[in-house]
Amino acid sequence: MFLDVIQVIIAVLLIAVILLQNRGTGLGGAFGGGGEVFTAKRGPEKKLYYATIVLAIAFLLTALLNVVL
């Protein structure tokens, strides 16, 4: 029960962090070859990127723990 609540909280946070990120070219850049220059992530964009990774890993771990326990 406790892990279910934690997983829902992590899922909501993960959705929020993903929606806050800047939109990229998506799959259009893979096929059309956009002309924009790729730059390094800086400031808040970098923190959102790492927060997304951490929350995704936490979500997967809680999902695995829910299956095992």
PDB file of N, CA and C in Angstrom:
ATOM      1  N   MET A   1       0.823  -1.195   0.000  1.00  0.00           N
ATOM      2  CA  MET A   1       0.000   0.000   0.000  1.00  0.00           C
ATOM      3  C   MET A   1       0.865   1.256   0.000  1.00  0.00           C
ATOM      4  N   PHE A   2       1.891   1.263   0.851  1.00  0.00           N
ATOM      5  CA  PHE A   2       2.777   2.422   0.948  1.00  0.00           C
ATOM      6  C   PHE A   2       3.532   2.650  -0.358  1.00  0.00           C
ATOM      7  N   LEU A   3       4.001   1.551  -0.967  1.00  0.00           N
ATOM      8  CA  LEU A   3       4.732   1.680  -2.233  1.00  0.00           C
ATOM      9  C   LEU A   3       3.822   2.161  -3.363  1.00  0.00           C
ATOM     10  N   ASP A   4       2.561   1.793  -3.307  1.00  0.00           N
ATOM     11  CA  ASP A   4       1.617   2.261  -4.330  1.00  0.00           C
ATOM     12  C   ASP A   4       1.484   3.780  -4.297  1.00  0.00           C
ATOM     13  N   VAL A   5       1.378   4.329  -3.099  1.00  0.00           N
ATOM     14  CA  VAL A   5       1.250   5.782  -2.948  1.00  0.00           C
ATOM     15  C   VAL A   5       2.517   6.475  -3.426  1.00  0.00           C
ATOM     16  N   ILE A   6       3.672   5.928  -3.053  1.00  0.00           N
ATOM     17  CA  ILE A   6       4.958   6.499  -3.483  1.00  0.00           C
ATOM     18  C   ILE A   6       5.068   6.461  -5.005  1.00  0.00           C
ATOM     19  N   GLN A   7       4.647   5.359  -5.611  1.00  0.00           N
ATOM     20  CA  GLN A   7       4.741   5.238  -7.064  1.00  0.00           C
ATOM     21  C   GLN A   7       3.827   6.239  -7.770  1.00  0.00           C
ATOM     22  N   VAL A   8       2.651   6.470  -7.246  1.00  0.00           N
ATOM     23  CA  VAL A   8       1.745   7.454  -7.844  1.00  0.00           C
ATOM     24  C   VAL A   8       2.334   8.856  -7.732  1.00  0.00           C
ATOM     25  N   ILE A   9       2.922   9.175  -6.582  1.00  0.00           N
ATOM     26  CA  ILE A   9       3.553  10.491  -6.399  1.00  0.00           C
ATOM     27  C   ILE A   9       4.706  10.668  -7.378  1.00  0.00           C
ATOM     28  N   ILE A  10       5.535   9.637  -7.520  1.00  0.00           N
ATOM     29  CA  ILE A  10       6.660   9.703  -8.460  1.00  0.00           C
ATOM     30  C   ILE A  10       6.147   9.852  -9.890  1.00  0.00           C
ATOM     31  N   ALA A  11       5.077   9.151 -10.233  1.00  0.00           N
ATOM     32  CA  ALA A  11       4.514   9.246 -11.585  1.00  0.00           C
ATOM     33  C   ALA A  11       4.027  10.656 -11.884  1.00  0.00           C
ATOM     34  N   VAL A  12       3.346  11.278 -10.926  1.00  0.00           N
ATOM     35  CA  VAL A  12       2.853  12.645 -11.128  1.00  0.00           C
ATOM     36  C   VAL A  12       4.021  13.617 -11.272  1.00  0.00           C
ATOM     37  N   LEU A  13       5.045  13.452 -10.431  1.00  0.00           N
ATOM     38  CA  LEU A  13       6.228  14.314 -10.532  1.00  0.00           C
ATOM     39  C   LEU A  13       6.945  14.113 -11.864  1.00  0.00           C
ATOM     40  N   LEU A  14       7.039  12.878 -12.321  1.00  0.00           N
ATOM     41  CA  LEU A  14       7.695  12.584 -13.593  1.00  0.00           C
ATOM     42  C   LEU A  14       6.946  13.231 -14.756  1.00  0.00           C
ATOM     43  N   ILE A  15       5.635  13.151 -14.739  1.00  0.00           N
ATOM     44  CA  ILE A  15       4.835  13.796 -15.786  1.00  0.00           C
ATOM     45  C   ILE A  15       5.046  15.304 -15.769  1.00  0.00           C
ATOM     46  N   ALA A  16       5.061  15.891 -14.572  1.00  0.00           N
ATOM     47  CA  ALA A  16       5.250  17.341 -14.459  1.00  0.00           C
ATOM     48  C   ALA A  16       6.614  17.766 -14.980  1.00  0.00           C
ATOM     49  N   VAL A  17       7.655  17.011 -14.634  1.00  0.00           N
ATOM     50  CA  VAL A  17       9.009  17.361 -15.076  1.00  0.00           C
ATOM     51  C   VAL A  17       9.129  17.224 -16.589  1.00  0.00           C
ATOM     52  N   ILE A  18       8.516  16.205 -17.158  1.00  0.00           N
ATOM     53  CA  ILE A  18       8.564  16.029 -18.613  1.00  0.00           C
ATOM     54  C   ILE A  18       7.838  17.169 -19.317  1.00  0.00           C
ATOM     55  N   LEU A  19       6.698  17.580 -18.785  1.00  0.00           N
ATOM     56  CA  LEU A  19       5.947  18.668 -19.412  1.00  0.00           C
ATOM     57  C   LEU A  19       6.648  20.017 -19.288  1.00  0.00           C
ATOM     58  N   LEU A  20       7.500  20.184 -18.287  1.00  0.00           N
ATOM     59  CA  LEU A  20       8.221  21.443 -18.112  1.00  0.00           C
ATOM     60  C   LEU A  20       9.412  21.589 -19.054  1.00  0.00           C
ATOM     61  N   GLN A  21       9.856  20.494 -19.646  1.00  0.00           N
ATOM     62  CA  GLN A  21      11.026  20.557 -20.519  1.00  0.00           C
ATOM     63  C   GLN A  21      10.689  21.261 -21.824  1.00  0.00           C
ATOM     64  N   ASN A  22      11.738  21.842 -22.434  1.00  0.00           N
ATOM     65  CA  ASN A  22      11.571  22.492 -23.737  1.00  0.00           C
ATOM     66  C   ASN A  22      11.273  21.449 -24.793  1.00  0.00           C
ATOM     67  N   ARG A  23      10.427  21.829 -25.722  1.00  0.00           N
ATOM     68  CA  ARG A  23      10.111  20.906 -26.804  1.00  0.00           C
ATOM     69  C   ARG A  23      11.244  20.894 -27.814  1.00  0.00           C
ATOM     70  N   GLY A  24      11.587  19.696 -28.267  1.00  0.00           N
ATOM     71  CA  GLY A  24      12.619  19.547 -29.280  1.00  0.00           C
ATOM     72  C   GLY A  24      11.994  19.276 -30.632  1.00  0.00           C
ATOM     73  N   THR A  25      12.777  18.736 -31.534  1.00  0.00           N
ATOM     74  CA  THR A  25      12.281  18.436 -32.867  1.00  0.00           C
ATOM     75  C   THR A  25      11.488  17.145 -32.889  1.00  0.00           C
ATOM     76  N   GLY A  26      11.638  16.324 -31.862  1.00  0.00           N
ATOM     77  CA  GLY A  26      10.925  15.049 -31.830  1.00  0.00           C
ATOM     78  C   GLY A  26      11.469  14.111 -32.884  1.00  0.00           C
ATOM     79  N   LEU A  27      10.597  13.320 -33.479  1.00  0.00           N
ATOM     80  CA  LEU A  27      11.025  12.383 -34.516  1.00  0.00           C
ATOM     81  C   LEU A  27      11.261  13.069 -35.850  1.00  0.00           C
ATOM     82  N   GLY A  28      10.795  14.298 -35.990  1.00  0.00           N
ATOM     83  CA  GLY A  28      10.993  15.020 -37.246  1.00  0.00           C
ATOM     84  C   GLY A  28      12.464  15.256 -37.553  1.00  0.00           C
ATOM     85  N   GLY A  29      13.264  15.465 -36.546  1.00  0.00           N
ATOM     86  CA  GLY A  29      14.689  15.685 -36.744  1.00  0.00           C
ATOM     87  C   GLY A  29      15.426  14.426 -37.165  1.00  0.00           C
ATOM     88  N   ALA A  30      14.874  13.270 -36.845  1.00  0.00           N
ATOM     89  CA  ALA A  30      15.528  12.014 -37.200  1.00  0.00           C
ATOM     90  C   ALA A  30      15.423  11.740 -38.697  1.00  0.00           C
ATOM     91  N   PHE A  31      14.335  12.162 -39.304  1.00  0.00           N
ATOM     92  CA  PHE A  31      14.121  11.852 -40.715  1.00  0.00           C
ATOM     93  C   PHE A  31      14.429  13.025 -41.643  1.00  0.00           C
ATOM     94  N   GLY A  32      14.170  14.237 -41.178  1.00  0.00           N
ATOM     95  CA  GLY A  32      14.333  15.393 -42.047  1.00  0.00           C
ATOM     96  C   GLY A  32      15.679  16.079 -41.909  1.00  0.00           C
ATOM     97  N   GLY A  33      16.376  15.864 -40.808  1.00  0.00           N
ATOM     98  CA  GLY A  33      17.664  16.518 -40.610  1.00  0.00           C
ATOM     99  C   GLY A  33      17.518  18.007 -40.416  1.00  0.00           C
ATOM    100  N   GLY A  34      17.116  18.409 -39.236  1.00  0.00           N
ATOM    101  CA  GLY A  34      16.927  19.837 -38.944  1.00  0.00           C
ATOM    102  C   GLY A  34      18.237  20.594 -39.015  1.00  0.00           C
ATOM    103  N   GLY A  35      18.172  21.884 -39.291  1.00  0.00           N
ATOM    104  CA  GLY A  35      19.366  22.691 -39.444  1.00  0.00           C
ATOM    105  C   GLY A  35      19.828  23.361 -38.164  1.00  0.00           C
ATOM    106  N   GLU A  36      19.151  23.132 -37.054  1.00  0.00           N
ATOM    107  CA  GLU A  36      19.537  23.804 -35.820  1.00  0.00           C
ATOM    108  C   GLU A  36      20.805  23.188 -35.228  1.00  0.00           C
ATOM    109  N   VAL A  37      21.500  23.988 -34.465  1.00  0.00           N
ATOM    110  CA  VAL A  37      22.732  23.545 -33.821  1.00  0.00           C
ATOM    111  C   VAL A  37      22.376  23.034 -32.432  1.00  0.00           C
ATOM    112  N   PHE A  38      22.932  21.897 -32.073  1.00  0.00           N
ATOM    113  CA  PHE A  38      22.676  21.343 -30.751  1.00  0.00           C
ATOM    114  C   PHE A  38      23.632  21.971 -29.754  1.00  0.00           C
ATOM    115  N   THR A  39      23.091  22.445 -28.645  1.00  0.00           N
ATOM    116  CA  THR A  39      23.911  23.056 -27.613  1.00  0.00           C
ATOM    117  C   THR A  39      23.807  22.247 -26.337  1.00  0.00           C
ATOM    118  N   ALA A  40      24.744  22.499 -25.441  1.00  0.00           N
ATOM    119  CA  ALA A  40      24.740  21.804 -24.159  1.00  0.00           C
ATOM    120  C   ALA A  40      23.602  22.331 -23.290  1.00  0.00           C
ATOM    121  N   LYS A  41      23.086  21.448 -22.457  1.00  0.00           N
ATOM    122  CA  LYS A  41      22.036  21.862 -21.529  1.00  0.00           C
ATOM    123  C   LYS A  41      22.669  22.667 -20.401  1.00  0.00           C
ATOM    124  N   ARG A  42      22.019  23.771 -20.030  1.00  0.00           N
ATOM    125  CA  ARG A  42      22.550  24.622 -18.969  1.00  0.00           C
ATOM    126  C   ARG A  42      21.430  25.067 -18.051  1.00  0.00           C
ATOM    127  N   GLY A  43      21.788  25.356 -16.837  1.00  0.00           N
ATOM    128  CA  GLY A  43      20.850  25.929 -15.877  1.00  0.00           C
ATOM    129  C   GLY A  43      19.679  25.022 -15.558  1.00  0.00           C
ATOM    130  N   PRO A  44      18.483  25.597 -15.549  1.00  0.00           N
ATOM    131  CA  PRO A  44      17.289  24.829 -15.177  1.00  0.00           C
ATOM    132  C   PRO A  44      17.003  23.657 -16.123  1.00  0.00           C
ATOM    133  N   GLU A  45      17.351  23.830 -17.396  1.00  0.00           N
ATOM    134  CA  GLU A  45      17.124  22.755 -18.366  1.00  0.00           C
ATOM    135  C   GLU A  45      17.932  21.512 -17.995  1.00  0.00           C
ATOM    136  N   LYS A  46      19.149  21.712 -17.535  1.00  0.00           N
ATOM    137  CA  LYS A  46      20.006  20.601 -17.127  1.00  0.00           C
ATOM    138  C   LYS A  46      19.449  19.923 -15.876  1.00  0.00           C
ATOM    139  N   LYS A  47      18.950  20.727 -14.932  1.00  0.00           N
ATOM    140  CA  LYS A  47      18.375  20.162 -13.705  1.00  0.00           C
ATOM    141  C   LYS A  47      17.108  19.363 -14.011  1.00  0.00           C
ATOM    142  N   LEU A  48      16.283  19.860 -14.930  1.00  0.00           N
ATOM    143  CA  LEU A  48      15.085  19.119 -15.324  1.00  0.00           C
ATOM    144  C   LEU A  48      15.449  17.806 -16.011  1.00  0.00           C
ATOM    145  N   TYR A  49      16.507  17.834 -16.807  1.00  0.00           N
ATOM    146  CA  TYR A  49      16.971  16.633 -17.503  1.00  0.00           C
ATOM    147  C   TYR A  49      17.389  15.563 -16.502  1.00  0.00           C
ATOM    148  N   TYR A  50      18.200  15.952 -15.514  1.00  0.00           N
ATOM    149  CA  TYR A  50      18.648  14.991 -14.511  1.00  0.00           C
ATOM    150  C   TYR A  50      17.511  14.566 -13.587  1.00  0.00           C
ATOM    151  N   ALA A  51      16.587  15.468 -13.289  1.00  0.00           N
ATOM    152  CA  ALA A  51      15.429  15.108 -12.467  1.00  0.00           C
ATOM    153  C   ALA A  51      14.566  14.073 -13.184  1.00  0.00           C
ATOM    154  N   THR A  52      14.456  14.196 -14.503  1.00  0.00           N
ATOM    155  CA  THR A  52      13.694  13.225 -15.284  1.00  0.00           C
ATOM    156  C   THR A  52      14.323  11.842 -15.186  1.00  0.00           C
ATOM    157  N   ILE A  53      15.637  11.788 -15.291  1.00  0.00           N
ATOM    158  CA  ILE A  53      16.339  10.506 -15.208  1.00  0.00           C
ATOM    159  C   ILE A  53      16.165   9.889 -13.825  1.00  0.00           C
ATOM    160  N   VAL A  54      16.352  10.689 -12.783  1.00  0.00           N
ATOM    161  CA  VAL A  54      16.238  10.186 -11.410  1.00  0.00           C
ATOM    162  C   VAL A  54      14.817   9.696 -11.129  1.00  0.00           C
ATOM    163  N   LEU A  55      13.820  10.475 -11.536  1.00  0.00           N
ATOM    164  CA  LEU A  55      12.433  10.077 -11.296  1.00  0.00           C
ATOM    165  C   LEU A  55      12.049   8.833 -12.099  1.00  0.00           C
ATOM    166  N   ALA A  56      12.560   8.712 -13.314  1.00  0.00           N
ATOM    167  CA  ALA A  56      12.264   7.525 -14.121  1.00  0.00           C
ATOM    168  C   ALA A  56      12.861   6.275 -13.483  1.00  0.00           C
ATOM    169  N   ILE A  57      14.084   6.383 -12.986  1.00  0.00           N
ATOM    170  CA  ILE A  57      14.716   5.245 -12.311  1.00  0.00           C
ATOM    171  C   ILE A  57      13.967   4.907 -11.028  1.00  0.00           C
ATOM    172  N   ALA A  58      13.573   5.930 -10.271  1.00  0.00           N
ATOM    173  CA  ALA A  58      12.812   5.700  -9.040  1.00  0.00           C
ATOM    174  C   ALA A  58      11.474   5.034  -9.348  1.00  0.00           C
ATOM    175  N   PHE A  59      10.825   5.453 -10.435  1.00  0.00           N
ATOM    176  CA  PHE A  59       9.550   4.848 -10.823  1.00  0.00           C
ATOM    177  C   PHE A  59       9.737   3.373 -11.169  1.00  0.00           C
ATOM    178  N   LEU A  60      10.783   3.067 -11.931  1.00  0.00           N
ATOM    179  CA  LEU A  60      11.037   1.673 -12.294  1.00  0.00           C
ATOM    180  C   LEU A  60      11.358   0.823 -11.070  1.00  0.00           C
ATOM    181  N   LEU A  61      12.132   1.371 -10.139  1.00  0.00           N
ATOM    182  CA  LEU A  61      12.465   0.623  -8.926  1.00  0.00           C
ATOM    183  C   LEU A  61      11.231   0.356  -8.070  1.00  0.00           C
ATOM    184  N   THR A  62      10.372   1.350  -7.930  1.00  0.00           N
ATOM    185  CA  THR A  62       9.155   1.123  -7.145  1.00  0.00           C
ATOM    186  C   THR A  62       8.221   0.136  -7.844  1.00  0.00           C
ATOM    187  N   ALA A  63       8.199   0.157  -9.170  1.00  0.00           N
ATOM    188  CA  ALA A  63       7.379  -0.811  -9.905  1.00  0.00           C
ATOM    189  C   ALA A  63       7.898  -2.230  -9.680  1.00  0.00           C
ATOM    190  N   LEU A  64       9.216  -2.393  -9.718  1.00  0.00           N
ATOM    191  CA  LEU A  64       9.802  -3.714  -9.468  1.00  0.00           C
ATOM    192  C   LEU A  64       9.561  -4.163  -8.032  1.00  0.00           C
ATOM    193  N   LEU A  65       9.679  -3.247  -7.087  1.00  0.00           N
ATOM    194  CA  LEU A  65       9.415  -3.594  -5.688  1.00  0.00           C
ATOM    195  C   LEU A  65       7.955  -3.974  -5.475  1.00  0.00           C
ATOM    196  N   ASN A  66       7.048  -3.317  -6.172  1.00  0.00           N
ATOM    197  CA  ASN A  66       5.629  -3.676  -6.067  1.00  0.00           C
ATOM    198  C   ASN A  66       5.365  -5.084  -6.589  1.00  0.00           C
ATOM    199  N   VAL A  67       6.103  -5.491  -7.609  1.00  0.00           N
ATOM    200  CA  VAL A  67       5.925  -6.832  -8.158  1.00  0.00           C
ATOM    201  C   VAL A  67       6.500  -7.875  -7.203  1.00  0.00           C
ATOM    202  N   VAL A  68       7.668  -7.588  -6.643  1.00  0.00           N
ATOM    203  CA  VAL A  68       8.348  -8.549  -5.778  1.00  0.00           C
ATOM    204  C   VAL A  68       7.645  -8.682  -4.431  1.00  0.00           C
ATOM    205  N   LEU A  69       7.220  -7.558  -3.868  1.00  0.00           N
ATOM    206  CA  LEU A  69       6.616  -7.600  -2.526  1.00  0.00           C
ATOM    207  C   LEU A  69       5.172  -7.855  -2.580  1.00  0.00           C
TER     208      LEU A  69
END
